[in-house]
Amino acid sequence: MVEPDKSRASRGMVVNPHSSRADQHPAQSVLVDLTNWNNSFLTEKVVEPNQKTYNWYHQKFRRVPTIDECYTDDAVCYMEANEQFKRDKSVDSEILSILRQRFEDCVLYEAPDEKVKCKHLFDQYNDATESWFTKYGDLGAYTNVKSAFMKQKHRMIWERRHGPVGSGMKEPL
């Protein structure tokens, strides 16, 4: 048995390990070479340059319908919305962790003047913390999308009746 041509096999070309060039008809040899050249040319010049290449950790997931877009008896939609909520919560928590770490690093590096030099990082961290607690605060560790949606609904009802949260209750007329 003749060993297959390793360079041709590594490029994805058609290689028959049970035959050698001597066994092939000259026209068959030309046809195989032409097919391999066409496939290689298309792959290298057309397909590969037009493919998006990105690292696995930059993977983008498609957005699924939110809980308010699901029907009441659609368990699959509810499960997808719940998974999307968990993914969003973990991403927001990681962003908050990164901002906290940046602020702590700045405080350690700029030790005597940290209040002045790290103020912008502190403000960013406080804004992100406020947003995170507005969305996920008081929900607990093992929450689901339905309880978060109810929190959002109750907050909207409160703001309609009493104004922005934190401004106090309106007096009845």
N, C-alpha and C. Protein backbone atom coordinates (compact mmCIF):
# COMPACT_ATOMS: atom_id res chain seq x y z
N MET A 1 0.84 -1.19 0.00
CA MET A 1 0.00 0.00 0.00
C MET A 1 0.88 1.24 0.00
N VAL A 2 0.51 2.24 -0.76
CA VAL A 2 1.26 3.48 -0.87
C VAL A 2 0.70 4.47 0.13
N GLU A 3 1.59 5.17 0.83
CA GLU A 3 1.16 6.18 1.80
C GLU A 3 0.53 7.36 1.06
N PRO A 4 -0.58 7.90 1.59
CA PRO A 4 -1.19 9.06 0.93
C PRO A 4 -0.30 10.28 1.08
N ASP A 5 -0.44 11.17 0.14
CA ASP A 5 0.31 12.43 0.14
C ASP A 5 -0.19 13.29 1.30
N LYS A 6 0.66 13.49 2.32
CA LYS A 6 0.23 14.19 3.54
C LYS A 6 -0.09 15.65 3.26
N SER A 7 0.65 16.29 2.38
CA SER A 7 0.40 17.71 2.12
C SER A 7 -0.96 17.91 1.46
N ARG A 8 -1.35 17.02 0.60
CA ARG A 8 -2.65 17.15 -0.06
C ARG A 8 -3.78 16.84 0.91
N ALA A 9 -3.59 15.84 1.77
CA ALA A 9 -4.64 15.47 2.72
C ALA A 9 -4.84 16.56 3.76
N SER A 10 -3.77 17.22 4.16
CA SER A 10 -3.90 18.27 5.17
C SER A 10 -4.63 19.49 4.63
N ARG A 11 -4.65 19.66 3.32
CA ARG A 11 -5.36 20.80 2.74
C ARG A 11 -6.80 20.45 2.39
N GLY A 12 -7.25 19.27 2.74
CA GLY A 12 -8.63 18.88 2.48
C GLY A 12 -8.86 18.40 1.06
N MET A 13 -7.79 18.01 0.37
CA MET A 13 -7.93 17.57 -1.00
C MET A 13 -8.31 16.09 -1.05
N VAL A 14 -8.85 15.68 -2.16
CA VAL A 14 -9.27 14.30 -2.34
C VAL A 14 -8.03 13.44 -2.54
N VAL A 15 -7.83 12.48 -1.65
CA VAL A 15 -6.68 11.57 -1.76
C VAL A 15 -7.20 10.16 -1.57
N ASN A 16 -6.88 9.30 -2.50
CA ASN A 16 -7.28 7.90 -2.39
C ASN A 16 -6.07 7.13 -1.85
N PRO A 17 -6.14 6.60 -0.63
CA PRO A 17 -4.97 5.93 -0.06
C PRO A 17 -4.69 4.56 -0.68
N HIS A 18 -5.62 4.01 -1.45
CA HIS A 18 -5.44 2.69 -2.02
C HIS A 18 -4.90 2.71 -3.45
N SER A 19 -4.65 3.86 -3.96
CA SER A 19 -4.12 3.92 -5.32
C SER A 19 -3.01 4.96 -5.37
N SER A 20 -2.12 4.76 -6.29
CA SER A 20 -1.06 5.73 -6.49
C SER A 20 -1.30 6.42 -7.82
N ARG A 21 -0.45 7.38 -8.11
CA ARG A 21 -0.58 8.10 -9.38
C ARG A 21 -0.39 7.15 -10.56
N ALA A 22 0.42 6.12 -10.36
CA ALA A 22 0.69 5.19 -11.46
C ALA A 22 -0.55 4.37 -11.81
N ASP A 23 -1.42 4.13 -10.82
CA ASP A 23 -2.63 3.35 -11.08
C ASP A 23 -3.70 4.15 -11.81
N GLN A 24 -3.60 5.47 -11.78
CA GLN A 24 -4.66 6.30 -12.34
C GLN A 24 -4.46 6.52 -13.83
N HIS A 25 -5.56 6.70 -14.50
CA HIS A 25 -5.55 7.09 -15.89
C HIS A 25 -5.11 8.55 -15.94
N PRO A 26 -4.37 8.98 -16.95
CA PRO A 26 -3.91 10.37 -16.99
C PRO A 26 -5.06 11.39 -16.95
N ALA A 27 -6.16 11.08 -17.59
CA ALA A 27 -7.29 12.01 -17.57
C ALA A 27 -7.88 12.09 -16.16
N GLN A 28 -7.91 10.96 -15.47
CA GLN A 28 -8.44 10.96 -14.10
C GLN A 28 -7.53 11.78 -13.19
N SER A 29 -6.25 11.67 -13.39
CA SER A 29 -5.29 12.43 -12.59
C SER A 29 -5.49 13.93 -12.80
N VAL A 30 -5.67 14.33 -14.03
CA VAL A 30 -5.89 15.75 -14.34
C VAL A 30 -7.20 16.22 -13.73
N LEU A 31 -8.22 15.40 -13.81
CA LEU A 31 -9.53 15.75 -13.26
C LEU A 31 -9.47 15.93 -11.74
N VAL A 32 -8.78 15.03 -11.06
CA VAL A 32 -8.63 15.13 -9.60
C VAL A 32 -7.86 16.39 -9.24
N ASP A 33 -6.77 16.66 -9.97
CA ASP A 33 -5.99 17.87 -9.69
C ASP A 33 -6.81 19.13 -9.93
N LEU A 34 -7.58 19.15 -10.99
CA LEU A 34 -8.41 20.31 -11.30
C LEU A 34 -9.48 20.52 -10.22
N THR A 35 -10.10 19.44 -9.77
CA THR A 35 -11.11 19.53 -8.71
C THR A 35 -10.48 20.03 -7.41
N ASN A 36 -9.32 19.48 -7.08
CA ASN A 36 -8.64 19.91 -5.86
C ASN A 36 -8.24 21.37 -5.95
N TRP A 37 -7.76 21.80 -7.09
CA TRP A 37 -7.35 23.20 -7.25
C TRP A 37 -8.56 24.12 -7.11
N ASN A 38 -9.69 23.75 -7.74
CA ASN A 38 -10.90 24.57 -7.63
C ASN A 38 -11.37 24.67 -6.18
N ASN A 39 -11.39 23.53 -5.48
CA ASN A 39 -11.83 23.54 -4.09
C ASN A 39 -10.89 24.38 -3.23
N SER A 40 -9.60 24.22 -3.44
CA SER A 40 -8.63 25.00 -2.65
C SER A 40 -8.75 26.48 -2.95
N PHE A 41 -8.88 26.81 -4.22
CA PHE A 41 -8.99 28.21 -4.61
C PHE A 41 -10.23 28.85 -3.99
N LEU A 42 -11.37 28.18 -4.11
CA LEU A 42 -12.61 28.72 -3.55
C LEU A 42 -12.51 28.87 -2.03
N THR A 43 -11.95 27.87 -1.38
CA THR A 43 -11.85 27.93 0.08
C THR A 43 -10.94 29.06 0.52
N GLU A 44 -9.76 29.17 -0.09
CA GLU A 44 -8.77 30.15 0.35
C GLU A 44 -9.12 31.57 -0.09
N LYS A 45 -9.70 31.74 -1.26
CA LYS A 45 -9.91 33.08 -1.80
C LYS A 45 -11.32 33.63 -1.58
N VAL A 46 -12.31 32.77 -1.41
CA VAL A 46 -13.69 33.24 -1.31
C VAL A 46 -14.27 32.98 0.08
N VAL A 47 -14.21 31.74 0.53
CA VAL A 47 -14.91 31.37 1.76
C VAL A 47 -14.21 31.94 3.00
N GLU A 48 -12.92 31.66 3.17
CA GLU A 48 -12.22 32.08 4.38
C GLU A 48 -12.16 33.60 4.57
N PRO A 49 -11.91 34.41 3.53
CA PRO A 49 -11.91 35.86 3.77
C PRO A 49 -13.27 36.43 4.15
N ASN A 50 -14.35 35.76 3.77
CA ASN A 50 -15.69 36.27 4.07
C ASN A 50 -16.28 35.72 5.36
N GLN A 51 -15.55 34.87 6.06
CA GLN A 51 -16.05 34.34 7.32
C GLN A 51 -15.64 35.27 8.46
N LYS A 52 -16.57 35.47 9.40
CA LYS A 52 -16.24 36.24 10.58
C LYS A 52 -15.44 35.35 11.52
N THR A 53 -14.30 35.82 11.92
CA THR A 53 -13.50 35.07 12.88
C THR A 53 -13.52 35.83 14.19
N TYR A 54 -13.84 35.15 15.26
CA TYR A 54 -13.83 35.75 16.58
C TYR A 54 -13.49 34.67 17.59
N ASN A 55 -13.00 35.11 18.70
CA ASN A 55 -12.63 34.17 19.75
C ASN A 55 -13.88 33.58 20.38
N TRP A 56 -13.74 32.41 20.93
CA TRP A 56 -14.89 31.73 21.52
C TRP A 56 -15.48 32.53 22.67
N TYR A 57 -14.65 33.29 23.37
CA TYR A 57 -15.16 34.04 24.52
C TYR A 57 -15.83 35.34 24.10
N HIS A 58 -15.85 35.65 22.83
CA HIS A 58 -16.60 36.80 22.32
C HIS A 58 -17.88 36.37 21.63
N GLN A 59 -18.33 35.17 21.93
CA GLN A 59 -19.52 34.63 21.29
C GLN A 59 -20.73 35.50 21.61
N LYS A 60 -21.52 35.78 20.60
CA LYS A 60 -22.72 36.58 20.78
C LYS A 60 -23.93 35.66 20.66
N PHE A 61 -24.76 35.69 21.68
CA PHE A 61 -25.97 34.89 21.67
C PHE A 61 -27.11 35.73 21.13
N ARG A 62 -28.02 35.10 20.42
CA ARG A 62 -29.18 35.83 19.94
C ARG A 62 -30.09 36.12 21.11
N ARG A 63 -30.83 37.22 21.03
CA ARG A 63 -31.77 37.57 22.08
C ARG A 63 -33.04 36.76 21.88
N VAL A 64 -33.58 36.27 22.97
CA VAL A 64 -34.83 35.52 22.91
C VAL A 64 -35.95 36.42 23.40
N PRO A 65 -37.20 36.05 23.16
CA PRO A 65 -38.31 36.89 23.63
C PRO A 65 -38.28 37.04 25.15
N THR A 66 -38.63 38.23 25.61
CA THR A 66 -38.70 38.46 27.05
C THR A 66 -39.98 37.86 27.60
N ILE A 67 -40.10 37.84 28.92
CA ILE A 67 -41.24 37.17 29.56
C ILE A 67 -42.56 37.84 29.19
N ASP A 68 -42.54 39.14 28.93
CA ASP A 68 -43.79 39.81 28.58
C ASP A 68 -44.24 39.50 27.16
N GLU A 69 -43.38 38.90 26.35
CA GLU A 69 -43.74 38.51 24.99
C GLU A 69 -44.18 37.05 24.90
N CYS A 70 -44.10 36.31 26.02
CA CYS A 70 -44.46 34.89 26.03
C CYS A 70 -45.94 34.73 26.36
N TYR A 71 -46.55 33.71 25.76
CA TYR A 71 -47.92 33.35 26.13
C TYR A 71 -47.88 32.64 27.49
N THR A 72 -49.02 32.63 28.17
CA THR A 72 -49.05 32.07 29.52
C THR A 72 -48.81 30.56 29.54
N ASP A 73 -49.14 29.86 28.48
CA ASP A 73 -48.97 28.41 28.46
C ASP A 73 -47.76 27.95 27.65
N ASP A 74 -46.87 28.88 27.33
CA ASP A 74 -45.69 28.55 26.52
C ASP A 74 -44.49 28.30 27.43
N ALA A 75 -44.30 27.03 27.81
CA ALA A 75 -43.24 26.68 28.75
C ALA A 75 -41.85 26.88 28.15
N VAL A 76 -41.70 26.62 26.86
CA VAL A 76 -40.39 26.77 26.21
C VAL A 76 -39.98 28.23 26.18
N CYS A 77 -40.91 29.11 25.84
CA CYS A 77 -40.62 30.54 25.82
C CYS A 77 -40.26 31.03 27.22
N TYR A 78 -40.98 30.55 28.22
CA TYR A 78 -40.69 30.92 29.61
C TYR A 78 -39.29 30.46 30.00
N MET A 79 -38.92 29.23 29.63
CA MET A 79 -37.60 28.71 29.95
C MET A 79 -36.50 29.52 29.25
N GLU A 80 -36.71 29.86 27.97
CA GLU A 80 -35.73 30.66 27.24
C GLU A 80 -35.59 32.04 27.86
N ALA A 81 -36.71 32.66 28.24
CA ALA A 81 -36.66 33.98 28.87
C ALA A 81 -35.94 33.90 30.21
N ASN A 82 -36.15 32.82 30.94
CA ASN A 82 -35.48 32.64 32.22
C ASN A 82 -33.98 32.48 32.04
N GLU A 83 -33.57 31.70 31.04
CA GLU A 83 -32.14 31.53 30.76
C GLU A 83 -31.52 32.86 30.31
N GLN A 84 -32.24 33.62 29.50
CA GLN A 84 -31.75 34.93 29.07
C GLN A 84 -31.58 35.85 30.27
N PHE A 85 -32.54 35.81 31.20
CA PHE A 85 -32.46 36.62 32.41
C PHE A 85 -31.24 36.23 33.24
N LYS A 86 -30.99 34.94 33.40
CA LYS A 86 -29.82 34.48 34.16
C LYS A 86 -28.53 34.94 33.48
N ARG A 87 -28.50 34.85 32.14
CA ARG A 87 -27.31 35.27 31.41
C ARG A 87 -27.09 36.77 31.56
N ASP A 88 -28.17 37.56 31.45
CA ASP A 88 -28.06 39.01 31.63
C ASP A 88 -27.61 39.36 33.04
N LYS A 89 -28.13 38.65 34.03
CA LYS A 89 -27.75 38.93 35.42
C LYS A 89 -26.28 38.62 35.63
N SER A 90 -25.80 37.51 35.09
CA SER A 90 -24.39 37.17 35.27
C SER A 90 -23.48 38.16 34.54
N VAL A 91 -23.91 38.63 33.37
CA VAL A 91 -23.11 39.63 32.65
C VAL A 91 -23.08 40.94 33.42
N ASP A 92 -24.24 41.39 33.91
CA ASP A 92 -24.28 42.63 34.69
C ASP A 92 -23.47 42.51 35.97
N SER A 93 -23.52 41.36 36.61
CA SER A 93 -22.74 41.15 37.83
C SER A 93 -21.25 41.17 37.53
N GLU A 94 -20.86 40.60 36.40
CA GLU A 94 -19.44 40.60 36.03
C GLU A 94 -18.96 42.01 35.70
N ILE A 95 -19.80 42.79 35.02
CA ILE A 95 -19.44 44.19 34.73
C ILE A 95 -19.26 44.95 36.03
N LEU A 96 -20.14 44.74 36.98
CA LEU A 96 -20.04 45.39 38.28
C LEU A 96 -18.76 44.96 39.00
N SER A 97 -18.42 43.70 38.91
CA SER A 97 -17.19 43.20 39.52
C SER A 97 -15.95 43.83 38.88
N ILE A 98 -15.96 43.98 37.57
CA ILE A 98 -14.83 44.60 36.87
C ILE A 98 -14.69 46.06 37.27
N LEU A 99 -15.81 46.79 37.34
CA LEU A 99 -15.76 48.19 37.75
C LEU A 99 -15.26 48.33 39.19
N ARG A 100 -15.70 47.44 40.07
CA ARG A 100 -15.23 47.47 41.45
C ARG A 100 -13.73 47.21 41.51
N GLN A 101 -13.26 46.23 40.73
CA GLN A 101 -11.83 45.91 40.72
C GLN A 101 -11.00 47.07 40.18
N ARG A 102 -11.50 47.75 39.15
CA ARG A 102 -10.79 48.92 38.62
C ARG A 102 -10.68 50.01 39.67
N PHE A 103 -11.78 50.24 40.38
CA PHE A 103 -11.76 51.27 41.42
C PHE A 103 -10.79 50.89 42.55
N GLU A 104 -10.82 49.64 42.99
CA GLU A 104 -9.91 49.20 44.05
C GLU A 104 -8.46 49.28 43.62
N ASP A 105 -8.17 48.91 42.37
CA ASP A 105 -6.80 49.02 41.86
C ASP A 105 -6.35 50.47 41.82
N CYS A 106 -7.25 51.35 41.41
CA CYS A 106 -6.92 52.78 41.36
C CYS A 106 -6.64 53.31 42.76
N VAL A 107 -7.44 52.90 43.73
CA VAL A 107 -7.24 53.36 45.11
C VAL A 107 -5.89 52.88 45.63
N LEU A 108 -5.52 51.65 45.34
CA LEU A 108 -4.22 51.14 45.80
C LEU A 108 -3.06 51.83 45.09
N TYR A 109 -3.22 52.13 43.82
CA TYR A 109 -2.14 52.74 43.05
C TYR A 109 -1.98 54.22 43.38
N GLU A 110 -3.09 54.91 43.53
CA GLU A 110 -3.09 56.36 43.77
C GLU A 110 -3.35 56.66 45.25
N ALA A 111 -2.66 55.96 46.14
CA ALA A 111 -2.99 55.96 47.57
C ALA A 111 -3.18 57.34 48.21
N PRO A 112 -2.30 58.30 48.09
CA PRO A 112 -2.57 59.55 48.83
C PRO A 112 -3.70 60.39 48.22
N ASP A 113 -3.83 60.39 46.90
CA ASP A 113 -4.81 61.24 46.23
C ASP A 113 -5.95 60.44 45.61
N GLU A 114 -6.33 59.33 46.21
CA GLU A 114 -7.32 58.47 45.56
C GLU A 114 -8.69 59.11 45.45
N LYS A 115 -9.03 60.02 46.36
CA LYS A 115 -10.36 60.64 46.31
C LYS A 115 -10.51 61.53 45.08
N VAL A 116 -9.43 62.15 44.65
CA VAL A 116 -9.47 63.03 43.49
C VAL A 116 -9.24 62.24 42.20
N LYS A 117 -8.20 61.41 42.19
CA LYS A 117 -7.80 60.73 40.96
C LYS A 117 -8.70 59.57 40.58
N CYS A 118 -9.41 58.99 41.55
CA CYS A 118 -10.27 57.83 41.27
C CYS A 118 -11.74 58.18 41.33
N LYS A 119 -12.06 59.48 41.35
CA LYS A 119 -13.45 59.90 41.48
C LYS A 119 -14.29 59.42 40.29
N HIS A 120 -13.75 59.53 39.08
CA HIS A 120 -14.52 59.11 37.91
C HIS A 120 -14.83 57.61 37.95
N LEU A 121 -13.89 56.79 38.42
CA LEU A 121 -14.14 55.35 38.55
C LEU A 121 -15.17 55.07 39.65
N PHE A 122 -15.09 55.86 40.74
CA PHE A 122 -16.06 55.69 41.83
C PHE A 122 -17.46 56.06 41.36
N ASP A 123 -17.57 57.13 40.56
CA ASP A 123 -18.88 57.53 40.04
C ASP A 123 -19.44 56.48 39.08
N GLN A 124 -18.58 55.94 38.22
CA GLN A 124 -19.01 54.87 37.31
C GLN A 124 -19.50 53.66 38.09
N TYR A 125 -18.75 53.29 39.11
CA TYR A 125 -19.12 52.13 39.92
C TYR A 125 -20.44 52.37 40.66
N ASN A 126 -20.62 53.57 41.20
CA ASN A 126 -21.88 53.88 41.90
C ASN A 126 -23.08 53.87 40.96
N ASP A 127 -22.91 54.42 39.75
CA ASP A 127 -24.01 54.39 38.76
C ASP A 127 -24.37 52.95 38.39
N ALA A 128 -23.34 52.13 38.16
CA ALA A 128 -23.59 50.73 37.80
C ALA A 128 -24.23 49.97 38.96
N THR A 129 -23.80 50.27 40.18
CA THR A 129 -24.38 49.61 41.35
C THR A 129 -25.84 49.98 41.52
N GLU A 130 -26.13 51.25 41.33
CA GLU A 130 -27.52 51.71 41.43
C GLU A 130 -28.40 51.02 40.38
N SER A 131 -27.90 50.94 39.15
CA SER A 131 -28.66 50.28 38.09
C SER A 131 -28.85 48.79 38.39
N TRP A 132 -27.80 48.15 38.90
CA TRP A 132 -27.89 46.73 39.21
C TRP A 132 -28.92 46.48 40.30
N PHE A 133 -28.90 47.31 41.36
CA PHE A 133 -29.86 47.11 42.45
C PHE A 133 -31.27 47.48 42.04
N THR A 134 -31.40 48.42 41.10
CA THR A 134 -32.74 48.73 40.59
C THR A 134 -33.33 47.52 39.88
N LYS A 135 -32.48 46.81 39.15
CA LYS A 135 -32.96 45.68 38.35
C LYS A 135 -33.02 44.37 39.14
N TYR A 136 -31.98 44.08 39.94
CA TYR A 136 -31.86 42.77 40.58
C TYR A 136 -31.93 42.80 42.10
N GLY A 137 -31.92 43.97 42.72
CA GLY A 137 -31.91 44.05 44.17
C GLY A 137 -33.19 43.49 44.78
N ASP A 138 -33.10 42.94 45.98
CA ASP A 138 -34.22 42.39 46.74
C ASP A 138 -34.89 41.21 46.04
N LEU A 139 -34.23 40.60 45.09
CA LEU A 139 -34.81 39.43 44.43
C LEU A 139 -34.30 38.12 45.03
N GLY A 140 -33.17 38.16 45.68
CA GLY A 140 -32.58 36.95 46.23
C GLY A 140 -31.63 36.30 45.25
N ALA A 141 -30.94 35.29 45.73
CA ALA A 141 -29.93 34.62 44.91
C ALA A 141 -30.55 33.70 43.88
N TYR A 142 -31.62 33.02 44.24
CA TYR A 142 -32.24 32.04 43.34
C TYR A 142 -33.57 32.60 42.86
N THR A 143 -33.49 33.53 41.96
CA THR A 143 -34.69 34.18 41.46
C THR A 143 -34.94 33.74 40.02
N ASN A 144 -36.08 34.12 39.51
CA ASN A 144 -36.38 33.79 38.13
C ASN A 144 -36.91 35.04 37.42
N VAL A 145 -37.16 34.90 36.15
CA VAL A 145 -37.56 36.04 35.34
C VAL A 145 -38.94 36.56 35.73
N LYS A 146 -39.78 35.67 36.21
CA LYS A 146 -41.13 36.10 36.58
C LYS A 146 -41.09 37.04 37.78
N SER A 147 -40.29 36.73 38.79
CA SER A 147 -40.21 37.62 39.96
C SER A 147 -39.56 38.95 39.58
N ALA A 148 -38.58 38.93 38.67
CA ALA A 148 -37.98 40.19 38.22
C ALA A 148 -38.99 41.02 37.44
N PHE A 149 -39.81 40.36 36.63
CA PHE A 149 -40.83 41.08 35.88
C PHE A 149 -41.87 41.69 36.82
N MET A 150 -42.23 40.96 37.86
CA MET A 150 -43.19 41.49 38.84
C MET A 150 -42.59 42.68 39.59
N LYS A 151 -41.28 42.61 39.89
CA LYS A 151 -40.63 43.74 40.54
C LYS A 151 -40.69 44.97 39.64
N GLN A 152 -40.41 44.78 38.36
CA GLN A 152 -40.47 45.89 37.40
C GLN A 152 -41.88 46.44 37.30
N LYS A 153 -42.87 45.57 37.28
CA LYS A 153 -44.27 46.01 37.20
C LYS A 153 -44.66 46.81 38.43
N HIS A 154 -44.29 46.32 39.61
CA HIS A 154 -44.64 47.03 40.85
C HIS A 154 -43.92 48.38 40.93
N ARG A 155 -42.71 48.43 40.44
CA ARG A 155 -41.97 49.70 40.42
C ARG A 155 -42.67 50.70 39.50
N MET A 156 -43.13 50.25 38.33
CA MET A 156 -43.82 51.15 37.40
C MET A 156 -45.14 51.64 38.00
N ILE A 157 -45.86 50.77 38.69
CA ILE A 157 -47.11 51.19 39.34
C ILE A 157 -46.82 52.23 40.42
N TRP A 158 -45.76 51.99 41.21
CA TRP A 158 -45.38 52.94 42.25
C TRP A 158 -45.06 54.30 41.64
N GLU A 159 -44.25 54.31 40.57
CA GLU A 159 -43.86 55.58 39.95
C GLU A 159 -45.06 56.29 39.35
N ARG A 160 -46.03 55.56 38.83
CA ARG A 160 -47.23 56.19 38.29
C ARG A 160 -48.04 56.85 39.41
N ARG A 161 -48.12 56.19 40.54
CA ARG A 161 -48.93 56.71 41.65
C ARG A 161 -48.21 57.79 42.46
N HIS A 162 -46.91 57.60 42.72
CA HIS A 162 -46.23 58.44 43.69
C HIS A 162 -45.04 59.22 43.14
N GLY A 163 -44.69 59.05 41.89
CA GLY A 163 -43.51 59.72 41.35
C GLY A 163 -42.30 58.80 41.46
N PRO A 164 -41.12 59.33 41.17
CA PRO A 164 -39.91 58.49 41.18
C PRO A 164 -39.69 57.84 42.54
N VAL A 165 -39.13 56.64 42.51
CA VAL A 165 -38.84 55.93 43.75
C VAL A 165 -37.79 56.71 44.52
N GLY A 166 -38.03 56.88 45.81
CA GLY A 166 -37.12 57.64 46.66
C GLY A 166 -37.59 59.05 46.92
N SER A 167 -38.63 59.50 46.23
CA SER A 167 -39.12 60.87 46.42
C SER A 167 -40.20 60.94 47.49
N GLY A 168 -40.58 59.80 48.04
CA GLY A 168 -41.61 59.78 49.07
C GLY A 168 -42.98 59.59 48.45
N MET A 169 -43.95 59.33 49.32
CA MET A 169 -45.32 59.11 48.85
C MET A 169 -46.04 60.44 48.70
N LYS A 170 -46.89 60.52 47.70
CA LYS A 170 -47.74 61.69 47.53
C LYS A 170 -48.84 61.66 48.58
N GLU A 171 -49.23 62.81 48.99
CA GLU A 171 -50.36 62.90 49.93
C GLU A 171 -51.65 62.71 49.16
N PRO A 172 -52.62 61.99 49.74
CA PRO A 172 -53.90 61.84 49.04
C PRO A 172 -54.63 63.17 48.95
N LEU A 173 -55.38 63.36 47.89
CA LEU A 173 -56.09 64.63 47.68
C LEU A 173 -57.19 64.84 48.63
